[in-house]
N, C-alpha and C. Protein backbone atom coordinates (compact mmCIF):
# COMPACT_ATOMS: atom_id res chain seq x y z
N MET A 1 167.97 -12.60 248.15
CA MET A 1 166.05 -13.96 247.72
C MET A 1 165.86 -12.94 246.45
N GLN A 2 165.68 -11.98 247.20
CA GLN A 2 164.38 -11.07 246.26
C GLN A 2 164.42 -11.25 244.68
N GLN A 3 165.93 -10.13 244.65
CA GLN A 3 166.44 -10.47 243.12
C GLN A 3 166.64 -11.64 242.37
N LYS A 4 167.24 -13.04 243.38
CA LYS A 4 166.73 -13.84 242.94
C LYS A 4 165.35 -14.25 242.58
N CYS A 5 164.37 -13.99 243.04
CA CYS A 5 163.23 -14.24 242.26
C CYS A 5 162.43 -13.58 241.58
N CYS A 6 163.31 -12.16 241.84
CA CYS A 6 162.54 -10.66 240.34
C CYS A 6 163.11 -11.86 239.57
N CYS A 7 164.46 -11.81 239.27
CA CYS A 7 165.05 -12.71 237.87
C CYS A 7 164.07 -13.69 237.71
N ILE A 8 163.91 -14.68 238.12
CA ILE A 8 162.65 -15.75 238.12
C ILE A 8 161.70 -15.56 237.23
N VAL A 9 161.33 -14.49 237.33
CA VAL A 9 160.00 -13.73 237.49
C VAL A 9 159.77 -13.36 235.81
N THR A 10 160.86 -12.50 235.67
CA THR A 10 161.62 -11.41 234.08
C THR A 10 160.94 -12.78 233.30
N SER A 11 162.16 -13.50 233.71
CA SER A 11 162.82 -14.63 233.01
C SER A 11 161.41 -15.18 232.62
N ALA A 12 160.78 -15.65 233.49
CA ALA A 12 159.13 -16.58 232.98
C ALA A 12 158.78 -15.78 231.82
N ILE A 13 158.69 -14.28 232.25
CA ILE A 13 157.56 -13.31 231.63
C ILE A 13 157.84 -12.78 230.24
N THR A 14 159.24 -12.83 230.20
CA THR A 14 159.82 -13.27 229.05
C THR A 14 159.99 -14.01 228.04
N ARG A 15 160.07 -15.00 229.08
CA ARG A 15 159.75 -16.49 228.09
C ARG A 15 158.59 -16.62 227.05
N CYS A 16 157.13 -16.59 227.77
CA CYS A 16 155.69 -16.46 228.08
C CYS A 16 155.48 -15.33 226.67
N TRP A 17 155.96 -14.09 226.79
CA TRP A 17 155.96 -12.96 225.99
C TRP A 17 156.48 -13.43 224.61
N THR A 18 157.38 -14.37 224.38
CA THR A 18 157.86 -14.13 223.63
C THR A 18 157.34 -15.73 222.76
N GLU A 19 157.67 -16.71 223.99
CA GLU A 19 156.59 -17.50 223.28
C GLU A 19 155.32 -16.86 222.14
N THR A 20 154.60 -16.33 222.78
CA THR A 20 152.72 -15.50 222.41
C THR A 20 153.51 -15.12 220.75
N PHE A 21 154.26 -14.50 221.37
CA PHE A 21 154.93 -14.00 220.09
C PHE A 21 155.51 -14.18 218.63
N LEU A 22 155.57 -15.88 219.04
CA LEU A 22 156.00 -16.60 217.86
C LEU A 22 154.37 -17.13 217.62
N ILE A 23 154.46 -17.84 218.73
CA ILE A 23 152.86 -17.90 217.68
C ILE A 23 152.28 -17.00 217.37
N SER A 24 151.37 -16.03 217.59
CA SER A 24 151.45 -14.45 216.98
C SER A 24 151.55 -14.51 215.75
N LYS A 25 153.17 -14.65 215.12
CA LYS A 25 153.78 -14.25 213.51
C LYS A 25 153.05 -15.29 213.14
N ALA A 26 153.85 -16.83 214.30
CA ALA A 26 153.05 -18.17 212.72
C ALA A 26 151.39 -17.82 212.72
N LEU A 27 151.09 -17.70 213.25
CA LEU A 27 149.43 -17.98 212.97
C LEU A 27 149.07 -16.65 211.98
N PHE A 28 149.99 -15.24 211.76
CA PHE A 28 149.77 -14.19 211.26
C PHE A 28 150.50 -14.56 210.12
N LYS A 29 151.47 -15.01 209.55
CA LYS A 29 152.19 -16.03 208.63
C LYS A 29 150.47 -16.39 207.31
N GLN A 30 149.76 -17.65 208.41
CA GLN A 30 149.56 -18.15 208.03
C GLN A 30 148.03 -18.05 206.93
N GLN A 31 147.68 -17.10 208.41
CA GLN A 31 146.14 -16.28 208.14
C GLN A 31 147.08 -14.82 206.63
N LEU A 32 148.20 -14.98 206.13
CA LEU A 32 148.46 -14.16 205.27
C LEU A 32 148.34 -15.06 204.06
N MET A 33 148.89 -16.39 204.47
CA MET A 33 148.88 -16.35 202.89
C MET A 33 147.75 -17.13 202.26
N ARG A 34 147.60 -17.45 203.78
CA ARG A 34 145.48 -18.17 203.14
C ARG A 34 144.75 -17.06 202.62
N ILE A 35 144.98 -15.18 203.03
CA ILE A 35 143.97 -14.66 202.52
C ILE A 35 144.78 -14.48 200.93
N ILE A 36 146.17 -14.67 200.49
CA ILE A 36 146.96 -14.76 199.63
C ILE A 36 146.36 -15.78 198.34
N ALA A 37 146.31 -16.44 198.81
CA ALA A 37 146.47 -17.97 198.76
C ALA A 37 145.14 -18.33 197.78
N LEU A 38 144.26 -18.38 199.33
CA LEU A 38 142.98 -18.18 197.88
C LEU A 38 142.28 -17.21 197.88
N TYR A 39 141.67 -16.04 197.98
CA TYR A 39 141.12 -14.81 197.82
C TYR A 39 142.06 -14.24 196.62
N ILE A 40 143.25 -13.81 196.46
CA ILE A 40 144.06 -12.80 195.79
C ILE A 40 144.43 -13.18 194.25
N ASP A 41 145.82 -14.19 195.00
CA ASP A 41 146.26 -15.09 193.97
C ASP A 41 145.12 -15.94 193.09
N PRO A 42 145.29 -15.59 191.03
CA PRO A 42 144.16 -16.22 190.75
C PRO A 42 144.69 -17.66 190.64
N ASN A 43 146.00 -17.83 190.20
CA ASN A 43 146.96 -19.26 190.70
C ASN A 43 147.15 -19.11 191.18
N PHE A 44 147.92 -20.89 191.32
CA PHE A 44 149.13 -21.75 192.79
C PHE A 44 150.08 -20.85 191.21
N PRO A 45 151.16 -20.65 192.06
CA PRO A 45 152.40 -20.71 191.60
C PRO A 45 153.24 -21.51 190.81
N LYS A 46 153.60 -21.80 189.73
CA LYS A 46 154.19 -22.88 189.00
C LYS A 46 155.31 -22.60 189.68
N ASN A 47 155.76 -24.29 189.95
CA ASN A 47 157.09 -24.86 190.36
C ASN A 47 156.82 -24.98 191.93
N LEU A 48 156.02 -24.89 192.40
CA LEU A 48 155.81 -24.67 193.65
C LEU A 48 156.72 -26.39 194.17
N LYS A 49 156.93 -25.75 195.88
CA LYS A 49 157.24 -27.55 196.20
C LYS A 49 156.54 -28.52 196.87
N THR A 50 156.36 -29.51 197.10
CA THR A 50 155.47 -30.19 197.31
C THR A 50 156.22 -31.02 198.65
N GLU A 51 155.36 -31.53 200.01
CA GLU A 51 156.44 -31.91 200.94
C GLU A 51 157.13 -33.05 200.11
N SER A 52 157.94 -33.02 200.57
CA SER A 52 158.93 -34.71 200.42
C SER A 52 158.35 -36.33 199.77
N ALA A 53 157.45 -36.24 201.12
CA ALA A 53 156.88 -37.64 201.30
C ALA A 53 155.55 -37.71 200.23
N ASN A 54 155.53 -36.13 199.58
CA ASN A 54 154.41 -36.52 198.63
C ASN A 54 154.55 -36.61 196.73
N ASP A 55 156.26 -35.70 196.61
CA ASP A 55 156.81 -35.52 195.59
C ASP A 55 157.04 -37.44 194.84
N THR A 56 157.09 -37.51 193.90
CA THR A 56 156.84 -38.90 192.97
C THR A 56 158.31 -38.86 191.23
N GLY A 57 158.73 -37.48 191.89
CA GLY A 57 159.85 -36.66 191.28
C GLY A 57 159.26 -37.12 189.73
N GLY A 58 158.13 -36.92 189.40
CA GLY A 58 157.47 -37.39 187.57
C GLY A 58 157.95 -39.08 187.02
N LYS A 59 158.26 -39.71 188.30
CA LYS A 59 158.06 -41.16 187.71
C LYS A 59 157.16 -42.18 188.37
N LEU A 60 156.13 -41.83 187.42
CA LEU A 60 154.83 -42.93 187.42
C LEU A 60 154.64 -43.28 186.15
N GLY A 61 154.76 -45.16 187.02
CA GLY A 61 154.10 -45.37 185.39
C GLY A 61 152.82 -45.46 185.39
N ALA A 62 152.34 -46.05 183.62
CA ALA A 62 151.61 -45.99 183.62
C ALA A 62 150.26 -46.69 184.23
N ASP A 63 150.33 -47.72 184.83
CA ASP A 63 149.92 -48.70 186.23
C ASP A 63 149.27 -47.52 186.67
N GLN A 64 150.45 -47.27 187.10
CA GLN A 64 150.13 -46.48 188.69
C GLN A 64 149.29 -45.19 188.49
N PHE A 65 150.05 -44.49 187.24
CA PHE A 65 149.17 -43.65 186.88
C PHE A 65 147.34 -43.88 186.99
N GLN A 66 146.80 -44.99 186.28
CA GLN A 66 145.53 -45.48 186.43
C GLN A 66 145.22 -45.44 187.98
N ALA A 67 145.74 -45.48 188.06
CA ALA A 67 145.07 -45.96 189.83
C ALA A 67 145.38 -44.84 190.22
N GLN A 68 146.59 -44.37 190.00
CA GLN A 68 146.39 -42.70 191.25
C GLN A 68 144.66 -41.76 190.38
N LYS A 69 144.54 -41.69 189.11
CA LYS A 69 144.23 -40.68 188.70
C LYS A 69 142.46 -41.95 189.33
N GLY A 70 142.35 -43.02 189.23
CA GLY A 70 140.96 -43.50 190.11
C GLY A 70 140.94 -42.79 191.40
N MET A 71 141.65 -43.26 192.17
CA MET A 71 141.92 -42.44 193.59
C MET A 71 141.71 -41.25 193.36
N PHE A 72 142.30 -40.45 192.61
CA PHE A 72 141.64 -39.06 192.49
C PHE A 72 140.01 -38.95 192.16
N ILE A 73 139.75 -39.30 191.19
CA ILE A 73 138.47 -39.60 190.46
C ILE A 73 137.52 -39.94 191.63
N GLU A 74 137.51 -40.69 193.08
CA GLU A 74 137.30 -41.20 194.02
C GLU A 74 137.39 -40.55 194.86
N THR A 75 138.27 -39.76 195.37
CA THR A 75 138.90 -38.12 196.72
C THR A 75 137.83 -36.93 195.69
N MET A 76 137.59 -37.06 194.49
CA MET A 76 136.72 -35.93 194.67
C MET A 76 134.87 -35.68 194.47
N GLN A 77 134.61 -36.65 193.84
CA GLN A 77 133.11 -37.43 194.67
C GLN A 77 133.25 -37.47 195.95
N GLN A 78 134.10 -37.84 196.61
CA GLN A 78 134.08 -38.01 197.96
C GLN A 78 133.44 -36.25 198.15
N PHE A 79 134.54 -35.37 197.76
CA PHE A 79 134.73 -34.51 198.64
C PHE A 79 133.18 -33.58 197.83
N ALA A 80 132.99 -33.86 197.21
CA ALA A 80 132.07 -32.98 196.37
C ALA A 80 130.83 -33.53 197.14
N SER A 81 130.62 -34.77 197.15
CA SER A 81 129.57 -35.81 198.43
C SER A 81 128.82 -34.61 199.43
N CYS A 82 129.90 -34.42 200.82
CA CYS A 82 130.77 -35.05 202.01
C CYS A 82 129.67 -33.42 202.02
N LYS A 83 128.68 -33.69 203.12
CA LYS A 83 127.42 -32.40 203.78
C LYS A 83 127.80 -32.43 205.14
N GLU A 84 129.06 -32.84 205.78
CA GLU A 84 129.48 -32.38 207.12
C GLU A 84 130.88 -31.36 206.64
N ALA A 85 130.76 -30.64 208.02
CA ALA A 85 131.63 -29.46 207.57
C ALA A 85 133.39 -30.03 208.29
N ILE A 86 133.86 -30.11 207.59
CA ILE A 86 135.82 -29.98 206.76
C ILE A 86 136.66 -30.00 208.25
N THR A 87 137.00 -30.89 209.20
CA THR A 87 138.13 -30.43 210.08
C THR A 87 139.28 -30.49 210.14
N LEU A 88 139.59 -30.96 209.15
CA LEU A 88 141.30 -30.75 208.60
C LEU A 88 141.76 -29.73 208.50
N THR A 89 143.25 -29.72 209.29
CA THR A 89 144.42 -28.51 209.35
C THR A 89 144.48 -28.70 208.03
N HIS A 90 144.93 -27.50 206.90
CA HIS A 90 146.32 -27.36 206.13
C HIS A 90 147.50 -27.04 206.66
N PRO A 91 148.49 -27.56 205.73
CA PRO A 91 149.87 -27.80 206.81
C PRO A 91 150.33 -26.10 206.91
N ALA A 92 150.33 -25.39 205.29
CA ALA A 92 150.34 -23.95 205.48
C ALA A 92 149.63 -22.88 206.02
N PHE A 93 148.21 -22.66 205.39
CA PHE A 93 146.92 -22.10 205.68
C PHE A 93 146.37 -22.61 206.85
N GLY A 94 146.74 -23.36 207.81
CA GLY A 94 146.05 -23.62 209.16
C GLY A 94 144.37 -24.44 209.13
N ASN A 95 143.70 -23.79 210.26
CA ASN A 95 142.69 -24.00 210.12
C ASN A 95 141.88 -23.77 208.64
N LEU A 96 141.37 -24.13 207.95
CA LEU A 96 139.83 -23.69 206.81
C LEU A 96 138.87 -23.89 206.86
N THR A 97 137.52 -23.01 206.29
CA THR A 97 136.92 -23.66 206.31
C THR A 97 136.32 -24.76 206.04
N THR A 98 135.38 -24.88 205.34
CA THR A 98 135.16 -25.76 204.06
C THR A 98 134.80 -25.13 202.77
N THR A 99 134.38 -23.94 203.10
CA THR A 99 134.37 -23.53 202.00
C THR A 99 135.91 -23.13 200.84
N GLN A 100 136.78 -22.61 202.18
CA GLN A 100 137.74 -22.62 202.22
C GLN A 100 138.88 -23.77 201.44
N TRP A 101 138.31 -25.22 202.35
CA TRP A 101 138.91 -25.82 201.62
C TRP A 101 138.91 -26.18 200.12
N GLY A 102 137.62 -26.06 200.02
CA GLY A 102 136.23 -26.45 198.08
C GLY A 102 136.94 -25.69 197.43
N ILE A 103 137.96 -23.74 197.64
CA ILE A 103 138.87 -22.60 196.74
C ILE A 103 139.73 -23.40 196.70
N ALA A 104 140.32 -23.73 198.04
CA ALA A 104 141.69 -24.86 197.90
C ALA A 104 142.25 -26.02 197.27
N GLU A 105 140.71 -26.78 196.95
CA GLU A 105 140.50 -27.60 195.72
C GLU A 105 141.30 -27.60 194.94
N TRP A 106 139.65 -26.61 195.13
CA TRP A 106 139.07 -25.89 193.52
C TRP A 106 140.89 -25.73 192.48
N LYS A 107 141.95 -24.35 193.29
CA LYS A 107 142.75 -24.48 192.50
C LYS A 107 143.68 -25.45 192.66
N HIS A 108 143.90 -26.19 194.14
CA HIS A 108 145.02 -26.64 193.56
C HIS A 108 144.96 -28.07 192.41
N THR A 109 143.91 -27.96 192.09
CA THR A 109 143.63 -29.42 190.78
C THR A 109 143.79 -28.66 189.93
N ASP A 110 142.94 -27.05 190.05
CA ASP A 110 143.18 -26.50 188.66
C ASP A 110 144.83 -26.11 188.18
N HIS A 111 145.51 -26.35 189.45
CA HIS A 111 146.86 -26.27 189.01
C HIS A 111 147.96 -27.31 188.38
N HIS A 112 147.20 -28.82 189.37
CA HIS A 112 147.93 -29.47 188.24
C HIS A 112 147.49 -30.02 186.56
N LEU A 113 145.59 -30.29 186.17
CA LEU A 113 145.08 -29.75 185.11
C LEU A 113 146.21 -28.68 184.36
N MET A 114 146.71 -27.83 184.53
CA MET A 114 147.58 -26.82 183.69
C MET A 114 148.86 -27.76 183.45
N GLN A 115 149.31 -28.02 184.52
CA GLN A 115 150.89 -29.23 184.38
C GLN A 115 150.37 -29.58 182.65
N PHE A 116 149.36 -30.03 183.18
CA PHE A 116 149.23 -31.05 181.91
C PHE A 116 148.82 -30.57 180.87
N GLY A 117 148.72 -30.05 180.49
CA GLY A 117 147.34 -28.77 179.62
C GLY A 117 146.25 -29.56 179.31
N VAL A 118 145.81 -29.57 180.28
CA VAL A 118 144.34 -30.24 180.37
C VAL A 118 143.32 -29.12 180.45
């Protein structure tokens, strides 16, 4: 009985340590990516893959382009005029401060404008 209990406790401790290590490893990776992307690398690299839900495959018609352009301008204006802290979690970088969101948005926008030679 005592041996069985010991195995259960050992298993629980091992599982807990492993889960903590994996979470810590993931958080470390996010923090490292955040530091490199926002503060070290001057530009986002070319040919970065986007999430499939956001990938248009370059197939926007002229009418869709104008609508997307309008939404983009409106979003940028809202972002610039926002007085509250931004509390969204970035999918790759984790939790960002409002300043970090600003840096990320600037770099992201610059990345796309450079794609089109603007």
